[in-house]
Amino acid sequence: MDGKKEIKIASVLAGILFLVGVVAYAGFPQKAPEEPIRIMLKSVGGNVLFHHKQHVEDYGFECMDCHHTMDDNESKAEACGECHTPSGEDALRRADAFHQQCKGCHEEVGAPEECSGCHMLR
């Protein structure tokens, strides 16, 4: 075999494998988890990457610890921003609610309390 023929065969095989990969990826999408793993909270002071799964599994928080309006028979919690808007028209402002909830808990368990401990992503 000459070099051009080998390159053509390799290119065709690479194309076929690429197409099989795309079809397999599109045809069998991964199921989204029931609970979020991480949540990106946008903030002018630096975005916060909240590790939801870690707080639930490693630290043992229950849904009601943070989602205080959730009933025992509800299976899905609303996002904090549903009630706690940035303007704080109907409830405590979102930023104030997070600071009150998160910093209070961090004080109790000795976790980082300084702003840069959470607000680290720009």
PDB file of N, CA and C in Angstrom:
ATOM      1  N   MET A   1       0.839  -1.184   0.000  1.00  0.00           N
ATOM      2  CA  MET A   1       0.000   0.000   0.000  1.00  0.00           C
ATOM      3  C   MET A   1       0.883   1.245   0.000  1.00  0.00           C
ATOM      4  N   ASP A   2       0.413   2.245  -0.718  1.00  0.00           N
ATOM      5  CA  ASP A   2       1.171   3.491  -0.706  1.00  0.00           C
ATOM      6  C   ASP A   2       0.640   4.408   0.401  1.00  0.00           C
ATOM      7  N   GLY A   3       1.358   5.469   0.706  1.00  0.00           N
ATOM      8  CA  GLY A   3       1.035   6.363   1.814  1.00  0.00           C
ATOM      9  C   GLY A   3      -0.295   7.069   1.661  1.00  0.00           C
ATOM     10  N   LYS A   4      -0.650   7.470   0.438  1.00  0.00           N
ATOM     11  CA  LYS A   4      -1.906   8.195   0.222  1.00  0.00           C
ATOM     12  C   LYS A   4      -3.113   7.308   0.521  1.00  0.00           C
ATOM     13  N   LYS A   5      -3.013   6.043   0.144  1.00  0.00           N
ATOM     14  CA  LYS A   5      -4.123   5.119   0.373  1.00  0.00           C
ATOM     15  C   LYS A   5      -4.305   4.862   1.877  1.00  0.00           C
ATOM     16  N   GLU A   6      -3.196   4.757   2.621  1.00  0.00           N
ATOM     17  CA  GLU A   6      -3.257   4.543   4.066  1.00  0.00           C
ATOM     18  C   GLU A   6      -3.866   5.752   4.773  1.00  0.00           C
ATOM     19  N   ILE A   7      -3.502   6.936   4.312  1.00  0.00           N
ATOM     20  CA  ILE A   7      -4.060   8.159   4.907  1.00  0.00           C
ATOM     21  C   ILE A   7      -5.557   8.245   4.629  1.00  0.00           C
ATOM     22  N   LYS A   8      -5.966   7.865   3.437  1.00  0.00           N
ATOM     23  CA  LYS A   8      -7.383   7.898   3.084  1.00  0.00           C
ATOM     24  C   LYS A   8      -8.166   6.910   3.947  1.00  0.00           C
ATOM     25  N   ILE A   9      -7.630   5.698   4.129  1.00  0.00           N
ATOM     26  CA  ILE A   9      -8.305   4.687   4.954  1.00  0.00           C
ATOM     27  C   ILE A   9      -8.395   5.177   6.404  1.00  0.00           C
ATOM     28  N   ALA A  10      -7.299   5.739   6.929  1.00  0.00           N
ATOM     29  CA  ALA A  10      -7.295   6.243   8.304  1.00  0.00           C
ATOM     30  C   ALA A  10      -8.294   7.390   8.474  1.00  0.00           C
ATOM     31  N   SER A  11      -8.394   8.262   7.485  1.00  0.00           N
ATOM     32  CA  SER A  11      -9.334   9.380   7.543  1.00  0.00           C
ATOM     33  C   SER A  11     -10.771   8.896   7.527  1.00  0.00           C
ATOM     34  N   VAL A  12     -11.066   7.928   6.682  1.00  0.00           N
ATOM     35  CA  VAL A  12     -12.427   7.372   6.613  1.00  0.00           C
ATOM     36  C   VAL A  12     -12.781   6.693   7.932  1.00  0.00           C
ATOM     37  N   LEU A  13     -11.853   5.912   8.489  1.00  0.00           N
ATOM     38  CA  LEU A  13     -12.109   5.254   9.775  1.00  0.00           C
ATOM     39  C   LEU A  13     -12.306   6.277  10.892  1.00  0.00           C
ATOM     40  N   ALA A  14     -11.509   7.322  10.916  1.00  0.00           N
ATOM     41  CA  ALA A  14     -11.665   8.369  11.929  1.00  0.00           C
ATOM     42  C   ALA A  14     -13.027   9.040  11.794  1.00  0.00           C
ATOM     43  N   GLY A  15     -13.453   9.310  10.561  1.00  0.00           N
ATOM     44  CA  GLY A  15     -14.764   9.911  10.335  1.00  0.00           C
ATOM     45  C   GLY A  15     -15.894   9.015  10.805  1.00  0.00           C
ATOM     46  N   ILE A  16     -15.778   7.722  10.510  1.00  0.00           N
ATOM     47  CA  ILE A  16     -16.813   6.768  10.942  1.00  0.00           C
ATOM     48  C   ILE A  16     -16.875   6.706  12.464  1.00  0.00           C
ATOM     49  N   LEU A  17     -15.724   6.614  13.111  1.00  0.00           N
ATOM     50  CA  LEU A  17     -15.697   6.571  14.572  1.00  0.00           C
ATOM     51  C   LEU A  17     -16.251   7.851  15.185  1.00  0.00           C
ATOM     52  N   PHE A  18     -15.950   8.973  14.574  1.00  0.00           N
ATOM     53  CA  PHE A  18     -16.488  10.247  15.056  1.00  0.00           C
ATOM     54  C   PHE A  18     -18.010  10.252  14.967  1.00  0.00           C
ATOM     55  N   LEU A  19     -18.550   9.827  13.834  1.00  0.00           N
ATOM     56  CA  LEU A  19     -20.010   9.785  13.659  1.00  0.00           C
ATOM     57  C   LEU A  19     -20.663   8.819  14.641  1.00  0.00           C
ATOM     58  N   VAL A  20     -20.052   7.660  14.858  1.00  0.00           N
ATOM     59  CA  VAL A  20     -20.595   6.703  15.828  1.00  0.00           C
ATOM     60  C   VAL A  20     -20.605   7.338  17.224  1.00  0.00           C
ATOM     61  N   GLY A  21     -19.546   8.047  17.575  1.00  0.00           N
ATOM     62  CA  GLY A  21     -19.488   8.708  18.872  1.00  0.00           C
ATOM     63  C   GLY A  21     -20.562   9.769  19.036  1.00  0.00           C
ATOM     64  N   VAL A  22     -20.780  10.575  18.013  1.00  0.00           N
ATOM     65  CA  VAL A  22     -21.806  11.623  18.068  1.00  0.00           C
ATOM     66  C   VAL A  22     -23.194  11.014  18.200  1.00  0.00           C
ATOM     67  N   VAL A  23     -23.471   9.984  17.409  1.00  0.00           N
ATOM     68  CA  VAL A  23     -24.787   9.328  17.464  1.00  0.00           C
ATOM     69  C   VAL A  23     -25.000   8.683  18.828  1.00  0.00           C
ATOM     70  N   ALA A  24     -23.979   8.003  19.362  1.00  0.00           N
ATOM     71  CA  ALA A  24     -24.109   7.350  20.662  1.00  0.00           C
ATOM     72  C   ALA A  24     -24.316   8.384  21.766  1.00  0.00           C
ATOM     73  N   TYR A  25     -23.601   9.503  21.693  1.00  0.00           N
ATOM     74  CA  TYR A  25     -23.734  10.548  22.710  1.00  0.00           C
ATOM     75  C   TYR A  25     -25.125  11.180  22.649  1.00  0.00           C
ATOM     76  N   ALA A  26     -25.597  11.465  21.447  1.00  0.00           N
ATOM     77  CA  ALA A  26     -26.908  12.103  21.282  1.00  0.00           C
ATOM     78  C   ALA A  26     -28.049  11.135  21.545  1.00  0.00           C
ATOM     79  N   GLY A  27     -27.846   9.867  21.199  1.00  0.00           N
ATOM     80  CA  GLY A  27     -28.911   8.884  21.338  1.00  0.00           C
ATOM     81  C   GLY A  27     -29.125   8.389  22.750  1.00  0.00           C
ATOM     82  N   PHE A  28     -28.109   8.492  23.598  1.00  0.00           N
ATOM     83  CA  PHE A  28     -28.192   7.991  24.958  1.00  0.00           C
ATOM     84  C   PHE A  28     -27.725   9.063  25.943  1.00  0.00           C
ATOM     85  N   PRO A  29     -28.510  10.141  26.087  1.00  0.00           N
ATOM     86  CA  PRO A  29     -28.072  11.216  26.982  1.00  0.00           C
ATOM     87  C   PRO A  29     -28.079  10.758  28.435  1.00  0.00           C
ATOM     88  N   GLN A  30     -27.176  11.321  29.213  1.00  0.00           N
ATOM     89  CA  GLN A  30     -27.088  10.991  30.617  1.00  0.00           C
ATOM     90  C   GLN A  30     -28.260  11.622  31.345  1.00  0.00           C
ATOM     91  N   LYS A  31     -28.880  10.858  32.221  1.00  0.00           N
ATOM     92  CA  LYS A  31     -30.014  11.349  32.996  1.00  0.00           C
ATOM     93  C   LYS A  31     -29.531  12.382  34.015  1.00  0.00           C
ATOM     94  N   ALA A  32     -30.227  13.487  34.091  1.00  0.00           N
ATOM     95  CA  ALA A  32     -29.874  14.539  35.048  1.00  0.00           C
ATOM     96  C   ALA A  32     -30.164  14.044  36.462  1.00  0.00           C
ATOM     97  N   PRO A  33     -29.318  14.398  37.431  1.00  0.00           N
ATOM     98  CA  PRO A  33     -29.561  13.963  38.808  1.00  0.00           C
ATOM     99  C   PRO A  33     -30.807  14.630  39.375  1.00  0.00           C
ATOM    100  N   GLU A  34     -31.445  13.944  40.317  1.00  0.00           N
ATOM    101  CA  GLU A  34     -32.651  14.506  40.930  1.00  0.00           C
ATOM    102  C   GLU A  34     -32.319  15.743  41.761  1.00  0.00           C
ATOM    103  N   GLU A  35     -31.198  15.708  42.455  1.00  0.00           N
ATOM    104  CA  GLU A  35     -30.741  16.854  43.229  1.00  0.00           C
ATOM    105  C   GLU A  35     -29.516  17.435  42.537  1.00  0.00           C
ATOM    106  N   PRO A  36     -29.365  18.742  42.577  1.00  0.00           N
ATOM    107  CA  PRO A  36     -28.187  19.336  41.920  1.00  0.00           C
ATOM    108  C   PRO A  36     -26.902  18.923  42.622  1.00  0.00           C
ATOM    109  N   ILE A  37     -25.837  18.846  41.856  1.00  0.00           N
ATOM    110  CA  ILE A  37     -24.527  18.536  42.419  1.00  0.00           C
ATOM    111  C   ILE A  37     -23.889  19.830  42.916  1.00  0.00           C
ATOM    112  N   ARG A  38     -23.856  20.825  42.040  1.00  0.00           N
ATOM    113  CA  ARG A  38     -23.326  22.146  42.375  1.00  0.00           C
ATOM    114  C   ARG A  38     -24.265  23.197  41.794  1.00  0.00           C
ATOM    115  N   ILE A  39     -24.292  24.358  42.427  1.00  0.00           N
ATOM    116  CA  ILE A  39     -25.123  25.467  41.957  1.00  0.00           C
ATOM    117  C   ILE A  39     -24.250  26.712  41.880  1.00  0.00           C
ATOM    118  N   MET A  40     -24.249  27.368  40.726  1.00  0.00           N
ATOM    119  CA  MET A  40     -23.498  28.611  40.579  1.00  0.00           C
ATOM    120  C   MET A  40     -24.422  29.774  40.941  1.00  0.00           C
ATOM    121  N   LEU A  41     -24.059  30.490  41.983  1.00  0.00           N
ATOM    122  CA  LEU A  41     -24.831  31.637  42.436  1.00  0.00           C
ATOM    123  C   LEU A  41     -24.131  32.899  41.944  1.00  0.00           C
ATOM    124  N   LYS A  42     -24.794  33.623  41.060  1.00  0.00           N
ATOM    125  CA  LYS A  42     -24.222  34.841  40.479  1.00  0.00           C
ATOM    126  C   LYS A  42     -24.275  35.965  41.503  1.00  0.00           C
ATOM    127  N   SER A  43     -23.174  36.716  41.590  1.00  0.00           N
ATOM    128  CA  SER A  43     -23.088  37.795  42.551  1.00  0.00           C
ATOM    129  C   SER A  43     -22.112  38.853  42.047  1.00  0.00           C
ATOM    130  N   VAL A  44     -22.411  40.116  42.323  1.00  0.00           N
ATOM    131  CA  VAL A  44     -21.494  41.182  41.926  1.00  0.00           C
ATOM    132  C   VAL A  44     -20.220  41.142  42.765  1.00  0.00           C
ATOM    133  N   GLY A  45     -20.269  40.533  43.936  1.00  0.00           N
ATOM    134  CA  GLY A  45     -19.106  40.422  44.798  1.00  0.00           C
ATOM    135  C   GLY A  45     -18.230  39.228  44.461  1.00  0.00           C
ATOM    136  N   GLY A  46     -18.535  38.537  43.382  1.00  0.00           N
ATOM    137  CA  GLY A  46     -17.824  37.321  43.004  1.00  0.00           C
ATOM    138  C   GLY A  46     -18.780  36.149  43.095  1.00  0.00           C
ATOM    139  N   ASN A  47     -18.874  35.389  42.044  1.00  0.00           N
ATOM    140  CA  ASN A  47     -19.804  34.263  42.025  1.00  0.00           C
ATOM    141  C   ASN A  47     -19.430  33.220  43.071  1.00  0.00           C
ATOM    142  N   VAL A  48     -20.458  32.504  43.533  1.00  0.00           N
ATOM    143  CA  VAL A  48     -20.279  31.467  44.549  1.00  0.00           C
ATOM    144  C   VAL A  48     -20.659  30.131  43.930  1.00  0.00           C
ATOM    145  N   LEU A  49     -19.733  29.171  43.991  1.00  0.00           N
ATOM    146  CA  LEU A  49     -20.036  27.817  43.546  1.00  0.00           C
ATOM    147  C   LEU A  49     -20.422  27.027  44.787  1.00  0.00           C
ATOM    148  N   PHE A  50     -21.719  26.792  44.943  1.00  0.00           N
ATOM    149  CA  PHE A  50     -22.252  26.105  46.119  1.00  0.00           C
ATOM    150  C   PHE A  50     -22.309  24.611  45.847  1.00  0.00           C
ATOM    151  N   HIS A  51     -21.641  23.840  46.673  1.00  0.00           N
ATOM    152  CA  HIS A  51     -21.594  22.386  46.512  1.00  0.00           C
ATOM    153  C   HIS A  51     -22.781  21.768  47.251  1.00  0.00           C
ATOM    154  N   HIS A  52     -23.918  21.690  46.554  1.00  0.00           N
ATOM    155  CA  HIS A  52     -25.161  21.211  47.137  1.00  0.00           C
ATOM    156  C   HIS A  52     -25.026  19.764  47.607  1.00  0.00           C
ATOM    157  N   LYS A  53     -24.512  18.900  46.753  1.00  0.00           N
ATOM    158  CA  LYS A  53     -24.391  17.471  47.081  1.00  0.00           C
ATOM    159  C   LYS A  53     -23.519  17.274  48.324  1.00  0.00           C
ATOM    160  N   GLN A  54     -22.440  18.023  48.420  1.00  0.00           N
ATOM    161  CA  GLN A  54     -21.540  17.906  49.559  1.00  0.00           C
ATOM    162  C   GLN A  54     -22.253  18.315  50.851  1.00  0.00           C
ATOM    163  N   HIS A  55     -23.038  19.373  50.815  1.00  0.00           N
ATOM    164  CA  HIS A  55     -23.737  19.820  52.012  1.00  0.00           C
ATOM    165  C   HIS A  55     -24.802  18.808  52.437  1.00  0.00           C
ATOM    166  N   VAL A  56     -25.424  18.135  51.479  1.00  0.00           N
ATOM    167  CA  VAL A  56     -26.452  17.147  51.810  1.00  0.00           C
ATOM    168  C   VAL A  56     -25.824  15.840  52.277  1.00  0.00           C
ATOM    169  N   GLU A  57     -24.896  15.298  51.492  1.00  0.00           N
ATOM    170  CA  GLU A  57     -24.345  13.973  51.789  1.00  0.00           C
ATOM    171  C   GLU A  57     -23.265  14.003  52.877  1.00  0.00           C
ATOM    172  N   ASP A  58     -22.323  14.932  52.785  1.00  0.00           N
ATOM    173  CA  ASP A  58     -21.199  14.937  53.725  1.00  0.00           C
ATOM    174  C   ASP A  58     -21.541  15.611  55.052  1.00  0.00           C
ATOM    175  N   TYR A  59     -22.337  16.666  54.994  1.00  0.00           N
ATOM    176  CA  TYR A  59     -22.631  17.426  56.207  1.00  0.00           C
ATOM    177  C   TYR A  59     -23.991  17.080  56.811  1.00  0.00           C
ATOM    178  N   GLY A  60     -24.791  16.293  56.110  1.00  0.00           N
ATOM    179  CA  GLY A  60     -26.044  15.783  56.652  1.00  0.00           C
ATOM    180  C   GLY A  60     -27.192  16.765  56.731  1.00  0.00           C
ATOM    181  N   PHE A  61     -27.204  17.793  55.891  1.00  0.00           N
ATOM    182  CA  PHE A  61     -28.318  18.730  55.905  1.00  0.00           C
ATOM    183  C   PHE A  61     -29.564  18.093  55.304  1.00  0.00           C
ATOM    184  N   GLU A  62     -30.684  18.425  55.840  1.00  0.00           N
ATOM    185  CA  GLU A  62     -31.978  18.014  55.300  1.00  0.00           C
ATOM    186  C   GLU A  62     -32.495  19.142  54.416  1.00  0.00           C
ATOM    187  N   CYS A  63     -33.391  18.832  53.514  1.00  0.00           N
ATOM    188  CA  CYS A  63     -33.943  19.840  52.597  1.00  0.00           C
ATOM    189  C   CYS A  63     -34.514  21.035  53.363  1.00  0.00           C
ATOM    190  N   MET A  64     -35.250  20.743  54.437  1.00  0.00           N
ATOM    191  CA  MET A  64     -35.914  21.797  55.202  1.00  0.00           C
ATOM    192  C   MET A  64     -34.930  22.725  55.923  1.00  0.00           C
ATOM    193  N   ASP A  65     -33.678  22.311  56.089  1.00  0.00           N
ATOM    194  CA  ASP A  65     -32.706  23.175  56.753  1.00  0.00           C
ATOM    195  C   ASP A  65     -32.493  24.465  55.975  1.00  0.00           C
ATOM    196  N   CYS A  66     -32.548  24.394  54.661  1.00  0.00           N
ATOM    197  CA  CYS A  66     -32.361  25.586  53.827  1.00  0.00           C
ATOM    198  C   CYS A  66     -33.649  25.988  53.110  1.00  0.00           C
ATOM    199  N   HIS A  67     -34.383  25.008  52.620  1.00  0.00           N
ATOM    200  CA  HIS A  67     -35.629  25.273  51.896  1.00  0.00           C
ATOM    201  C   HIS A  67     -36.768  25.299  52.915  1.00  0.00           C
ATOM    202  N   HIS A  68     -36.809  26.360  53.689  1.00  0.00           N
ATOM    203  CA  HIS A  68     -37.682  26.450  54.852  1.00  0.00           C
ATOM    204  C   HIS A  68     -39.164  26.509  54.531  1.00  0.00           C
ATOM    205  N   THR A  69     -39.547  26.779  53.286  1.00  0.00           N
ATOM    206  CA  THR A  69     -40.970  26.833  52.940  1.00  0.00           C
ATOM    207  C   THR A  69     -41.472  25.499  52.391  1.00  0.00           C
ATOM    208  N   MET A  70     -40.603  24.531  52.289  1.00  0.00           N
ATOM    209  CA  MET A  70     -40.948  23.226  51.711  1.00  0.00           C
ATOM    210  C   MET A  70     -41.751  22.401  52.718  1.00  0.00           C
ATOM    211  N   ASP A  71     -42.848  21.810  52.261  1.00  0.00           N
ATOM    212  CA  ASP A  71     -43.647  20.933  53.113  1.00  0.00           C
ATOM    213  C   ASP A  71     -43.020  19.543  53.139  1.00  0.00           C
ATOM    214  N   ASP A  72     -43.375  18.764  54.154  1.00  0.00           N
ATOM    215  CA  ASP A  72     -42.851  17.397  54.267  1.00  0.00           C
ATOM    216  C   ASP A  72     -43.269  16.510  53.101  1.00  0.00           C
ATOM    217  N   ASN A  73     -44.425  16.778  52.498  1.00  0.00           N
ATOM    218  CA  ASN A  73     -44.912  15.921  51.407  1.00  0.00           C
ATOM    219  C   ASN A  73     -44.448  16.390  50.030  1.00  0.00           C
ATOM    220  N   GLU A  74     -43.698  17.491  49.955  1.00  0.00           N
ATOM    221  CA  GLU A  74     -43.177  17.965  48.674  1.00  0.00           C
ATOM    222  C   GLU A  74     -41.899  17.210  48.342  1.00  0.00           C
ATOM    223  N   SER A  75     -41.747  16.869  47.076  1.00  0.00           N
ATOM    224  CA  SER A  75     -40.547  16.136  46.674  1.00  0.00           C
ATOM    225  C   SER A  75     -39.522  17.037  46.000  1.00  0.00           C
ATOM    226  N   LYS A  76     -39.927  18.227  45.588  1.00  0.00           N
ATOM    227  CA  LYS A  76     -38.990  19.118  44.910  1.00  0.00           C
ATOM    228  C   LYS A  76     -39.026  20.495  45.553  1.00  0.00           C
ATOM    229  N   ALA A  77     -37.841  20.995  45.859  1.00  0.00           N
ATOM    230  CA  ALA A  77     -37.727  22.306  46.487  1.00  0.00           C
ATOM    231  C   ALA A  77     -37.643  23.395  45.428  1.00  0.00           C
ATOM    232  N   GLU A  78     -38.155  24.567  45.765  1.00  0.00           N
ATOM    233  CA  GLU A  78     -38.023  25.710  44.875  1.00  0.00           C
ATOM    234  C   GLU A  78     -36.644  26.316  45.053  1.00  0.00           C
ATOM    235  N   ALA A  79     -36.161  26.957  44.015  1.00  0.00           N
ATOM    236  CA  ALA A  79     -34.888  27.670  44.105  1.00  0.00           C
ATOM    237  C   ALA A  79     -35.063  28.861  45.040  1.00  0.00           C
ATOM    238  N   CYS A  80     -34.005  29.217  45.732  1.00  0.00           N
ATOM    239  CA  CYS A  80     -34.063  30.323  46.695  1.00  0.00           C
ATOM    240  C   CYS A  80     -34.537  31.620  46.038  1.00  0.00           C
ATOM    241  N   GLY A  81     -34.108  31.839  44.790  1.00  0.00           N
ATOM    242  CA  GLY A  81     -34.448  33.056  44.078  1.00  0.00           C
ATOM    243  C   GLY A  81     -35.915  33.185  43.721  1.00  0.00           C
ATOM    244  N   GLU A  82     -36.696  32.114  43.905  1.00  0.00           N
ATOM    245  CA  GLU A  82     -38.135  32.201  43.631  1.00  0.00           C
ATOM    246  C   GLU A  82     -38.813  33.173  44.605  1.00  0.00           C
ATOM    247  N   CYS A  83     -38.405  33.148  45.850  1.00  0.00           N
ATOM    248  CA  CYS A  83     -38.973  34.062  46.857  1.00  0.00           C
ATOM    249  C   CYS A  83     -38.012  35.197  47.185  1.00  0.00           C
ATOM    250  N   HIS A  84     -36.741  34.840  47.343  1.00  0.00           N
ATOM    251  CA  HIS A  84     -35.730  35.815  47.723  1.00  0.00           C
ATOM    252  C   HIS A  84     -35.148  36.454  46.461  1.00  0.00           C
ATOM    253  N   THR A  85     -35.811  37.507  46.012  1.00  0.00           N
ATOM    254  CA  THR A  85     -35.379  38.193  44.800  1.00  0.00           C
ATOM    255  C   THR A  85     -34.249  39.165  45.127  1.00  0.00           C
ATOM    256  N   PRO A  86     -33.492  39.595  44.121  1.00  0.00           N
ATOM    257  CA  PRO A  86     -32.417  40.573  44.389  1.00  0.00           C
ATOM    258  C   PRO A  86     -32.930  41.877  44.990  1.00  0.00           C
ATOM    259  N   SER A  87     -34.169  42.249  44.654  1.00  0.00           N
ATOM    260  CA  SER A  87     -34.711  43.510  45.177  1.00  0.00           C
ATOM    261  C   SER A  87     -35.328  43.345  46.560  1.00  0.00           C
ATOM    262  N   GLY A  88     -35.684  42.110  46.938  1.00  0.00           N
ATOM    263  CA  GLY A  88     -36.272  41.871  48.248  1.00  0.00           C
ATOM    264  C   GLY A  88     -37.673  42.415  48.397  1.00  0.00           C
ATOM    265  N   GLU A  89     -38.458  42.395  47.323  1.00  0.00           N
ATOM    266  CA  GLU A  89     -39.808  42.956  47.374  1.00  0.00           C
ATOM    267  C   GLU A  89     -40.751  42.139  48.257  1.00  0.00           C
ATOM    268  N   ASP A  90     -40.760  40.805  48.129  1.00  0.00           N
ATOM    269  CA  ASP A  90     -41.709  39.972  48.865  1.00  0.00           C
ATOM    270  C   ASP A  90     -41.098  39.280  50.081  1.00  0.00           C
ATOM    271  N   ALA A  91     -39.804  39.129  50.104  1.00  0.00           N
ATOM    272  CA  ALA A  91     -39.122  38.449  51.203  1.00  0.00           C
ATOM    273  C   ALA A  91     -37.744  39.066  51.357  1.00  0.00           C
ATOM    274  N   LEU A  92     -36.990  38.551  52.280  1.00  0.00           N
ATOM    275  CA  LEU A  92     -35.620  39.005  52.483  1.00  0.00           C
ATOM    276  C   LEU A  92     -34.859  38.937  51.165  1.00  0.00           C
ATOM    277  N   ARG A  93     -34.052  39.963  50.865  1.00  0.00           N
ATOM    278  CA  ARG A  93     -33.259  39.951  49.632  1.00  0.00           C
ATOM    279  C   ARG A  93     -32.456  38.663  49.543  1.00  0.00           C
ATOM    280  N   ARG A  94     -32.223  38.179  48.333  1.00  0.00           N
ATOM    281  CA  ARG A  94     -31.517  36.921  48.127  1.00  0.00           C
ATOM    282  C   ARG A  94     -30.142  36.933  48.796  1.00  0.00           C
ATOM    283  N   ALA A  95     -29.370  37.993  48.575  1.00  0.00           N
ATOM    284  CA  ALA A  95     -28.031  38.078  49.168  1.00  0.00           C
ATOM    285  C   ALA A  95     -28.096  38.059  50.688  1.00  0.00           C
ATOM    286  N   ASP A  96     -29.048  38.790  51.270  1.00  0.00           N
ATOM    287  CA  ASP A  96     -29.183  38.816  52.724  1.00  0.00           C
ATOM    288  C   ASP A  96     -29.602  37.454  53.270  1.00  0.00           C
ATOM    289  N   ALA A  97     -30.493  36.768  52.549  1.00  0.00           N
ATOM    290  CA  ALA A  97     -30.926  35.433  52.978  1.00  0.00           C
ATOM    291  C   ALA A  97     -29.757  34.453  52.969  1.00  0.00           C
ATOM    292  N   PHE A  98     -28.946  34.486  51.907  1.00  0.00           N
ATOM    293  CA  PHE A  98     -27.782  33.608  51.839  1.00  0.00           C
ATOM    294  C   PHE A  98     -26.789  33.936  52.948  1.00  0.00           C
ATOM    295  N   HIS A  99     -26.497  35.226  53.120  1.00  0.00           N
ATOM    296  CA  HIS A  99     -25.536  35.595  54.147  1.00  0.00           C
ATOM    297  C   HIS A  99     -26.014  35.167  55.529  1.00  0.00           C
ATOM    298  N   GLN A 100     -27.281  35.374  55.810  1.00  0.00           N
ATOM    299  CA  GLN A 100     -27.831  35.007  57.113  1.00  0.00           C
ATOM    300  C   GLN A 100     -27.765  33.492  57.307  1.00  0.00           C
ATOM    301  N   GLN A 101     -28.208  32.735  56.317  1.00  0.00           N
ATOM    302  CA  GLN A 101     -28.249  31.274  56.403  1.00  0.00           C
ATOM    303  C   GLN A 101     -26.846  30.674  56.412  1.00  0.00           C
ATOM    304  N   CYS A 102     -26.044  31.055  55.444  1.00  0.00           N
ATOM    305  CA  CYS A 102     -24.733  30.417  55.255  1.00  0.00           C
ATOM    306  C   CYS A 102     -23.736  30.835  56.324  1.00  0.00           C
ATOM    307  N   LYS A 103     -23.643  32.132  56.568  1.00  0.00           N
ATOM    308  CA  LYS A 103     -22.669  32.600  57.552  1.00  0.00           C
ATOM    309  C   LYS A 103     -23.028  32.122  58.955  1.00  0.00           C
ATOM    310  N   GLY A 104     -24.319  32.078  59.251  1.00  0.00           N
ATOM    311  CA  GLY A 104     -24.738  31.581  60.567  1.00  0.00           C
ATOM    312  C   GLY A 104     -24.329  30.131  60.771  1.00  0.00           C
ATOM    313  N   CYS A 105     -24.502  29.328  59.747  1.00  0.00           N
ATOM    314  CA  CYS A 105     -24.121  27.917  59.830  1.00  0.00           C
ATOM    315  C   CYS A 105     -22.601  27.774  59.873  1.00  0.00           C
ATOM    316  N   HIS A 106     -21.913  28.548  59.060  1.00  0.00           N
ATOM    317  CA  HIS A 106     -20.454  28.486  59.044  1.00  0.00           C
ATOM    318  C   HIS A 106     -19.881  28.862  60.419  1.00  0.00           C
ATOM    319  N   GLU A 107     -20.502  29.826  61.103  1.00  0.00           N
ATOM    320  CA  GLU A 107     -20.057  30.199  62.445  1.00  0.00           C
ATOM    321  C   GLU A 107     -20.195  29.022  63.401  1.00  0.00           C
ATOM    322  N   GLU A 108     -21.322  28.309  63.309  1.00  0.00           N
ATOM    323  CA  GLU A 108     -21.592  27.188  64.209  1.00  0.00           C
ATOM    324  C   GLU A 108     -20.590  26.051  64.046  1.00  0.00           C
ATOM    325  N   VAL A 109     -20.206  25.754  62.809  1.00  0.00           N
ATOM    326  CA  VAL A 109     -19.353  24.579  62.563  1.00  0.00           C
ATOM    327  C   VAL A 109     -17.891  24.926  62.361  1.00  0.00           C
ATOM    328  N   GLY A 110     -17.546  26.210  62.385  1.00  0.00           N
ATOM    329  CA  GLY A 110     -16.153  26.610  62.220  1.00  0.00           C
ATOM    330  C   GLY A 110     -15.672  26.591  60.778  1.00  0.00           C
ATOM    331  N   ALA A 111     -16.584  26.731  59.838  1.00  0.00           N
ATOM    332  CA  ALA A 111     -16.218  26.794  58.415  1.00  0.00           C
ATOM    333  C   ALA A 111     -15.795  28.219  58.073  1.00  0.00           C
ATOM    334  N   PRO A 112     -15.164  28.433  56.919  1.00  0.00           N
ATOM    335  CA  PRO A 112     -14.714  29.779  56.541  1.00  0.00           C
ATOM    336  C   PRO A 112     -15.867  30.788  56.548  1.00  0.00           C
ATOM    337  N   GLU A 113     -15.592  31.948  57.119  1.00  0.00           N
ATOM    338  CA  GLU A 113     -16.613  32.991  57.193  1.00  0.00           C
ATOM    339  C   GLU A 113     -16.246  34.231  56.392  1.00  0.00           C
ATOM    340  N   GLU A 114     -14.976  34.369  56.012  1.00  0.00           N
ATOM    341  CA  GLU A 114     -14.575  35.553  55.263  1.00  0.00           C
ATOM    342  C   GLU A 114     -15.171  35.496  53.848  1.00  0.00           C
ATOM    343  N   CYS A 115     -15.366  36.655  53.263  1.00  0.00           N
ATOM    344  CA  CYS A 115     -16.028  36.756  51.954  1.00  0.00           C
ATOM    345  C   CYS A 115     -15.351  35.885  50.903  1.00  0.00           C
ATOM    346  N   SER A 116     -14.019  35.896  50.881  1.00  0.00           N
ATOM    347  CA  SER A 116     -13.294  35.148  49.847  1.00  0.00           C
ATOM    348  C   SER A 116     -13.406  33.641  50.025  1.00  0.00           C
ATOM    349  N   GLY A 117     -13.932  33.170  51.142  1.00  0.00           N
ATOM    350  CA  GLY A 117     -14.148  31.739  51.326  1.00  0.00           C
ATOM    351  C   GLY A 117     -15.243  31.197  50.427  1.00  0.00           C
ATOM    352  N   CYS A 118     -16.177  32.056  50.039  1.00  0.00           N
ATOM    353  CA  CYS A 118     -17.276  31.658  49.152  1.00  0.00           C
ATOM    354  C   CYS A 118     -17.236  32.417  47.835  1.00  0.00           C
ATOM    355  N   HIS A 119     -17.058  33.744  47.917  1.00  0.00           N
ATOM    356  CA  HIS A 119     -17.054  34.600  46.725  1.00  0.00           C
ATOM    357  C   HIS A 119     -15.674  34.572  46.083  1.00  0.00           C
ATOM    358  N   MET A 120     -15.448  33.561  45.245  1.00  0.00           N
ATOM    359  CA  MET A 120     -14.111  33.445  44.667  1.00  0.00           C
ATOM    360  C   MET A 120     -14.088  33.359  43.155  1.00  0.00           C
ATOM    361  N   LEU A 121     -15.212  33.309  42.523  1.00  0.00           N
ATOM    362  CA  LEU A 121     -15.252  33.152  41.067  1.00  0.00           C
ATOM    363  C   LEU A 121     -15.718  34.434  40.408  1.00  0.00           C
ATOM    364  N   ARG A 122     -14.985  34.888  39.461  1.00  0.00           N
ATOM    365  CA  ARG A 122     -15.345  36.106  38.715  1.00  0.00           C
ATOM    366  C   ARG A 122     -15.853  35.757  37.358  1.00  0.00           C
TER     367      ARG A 122
END
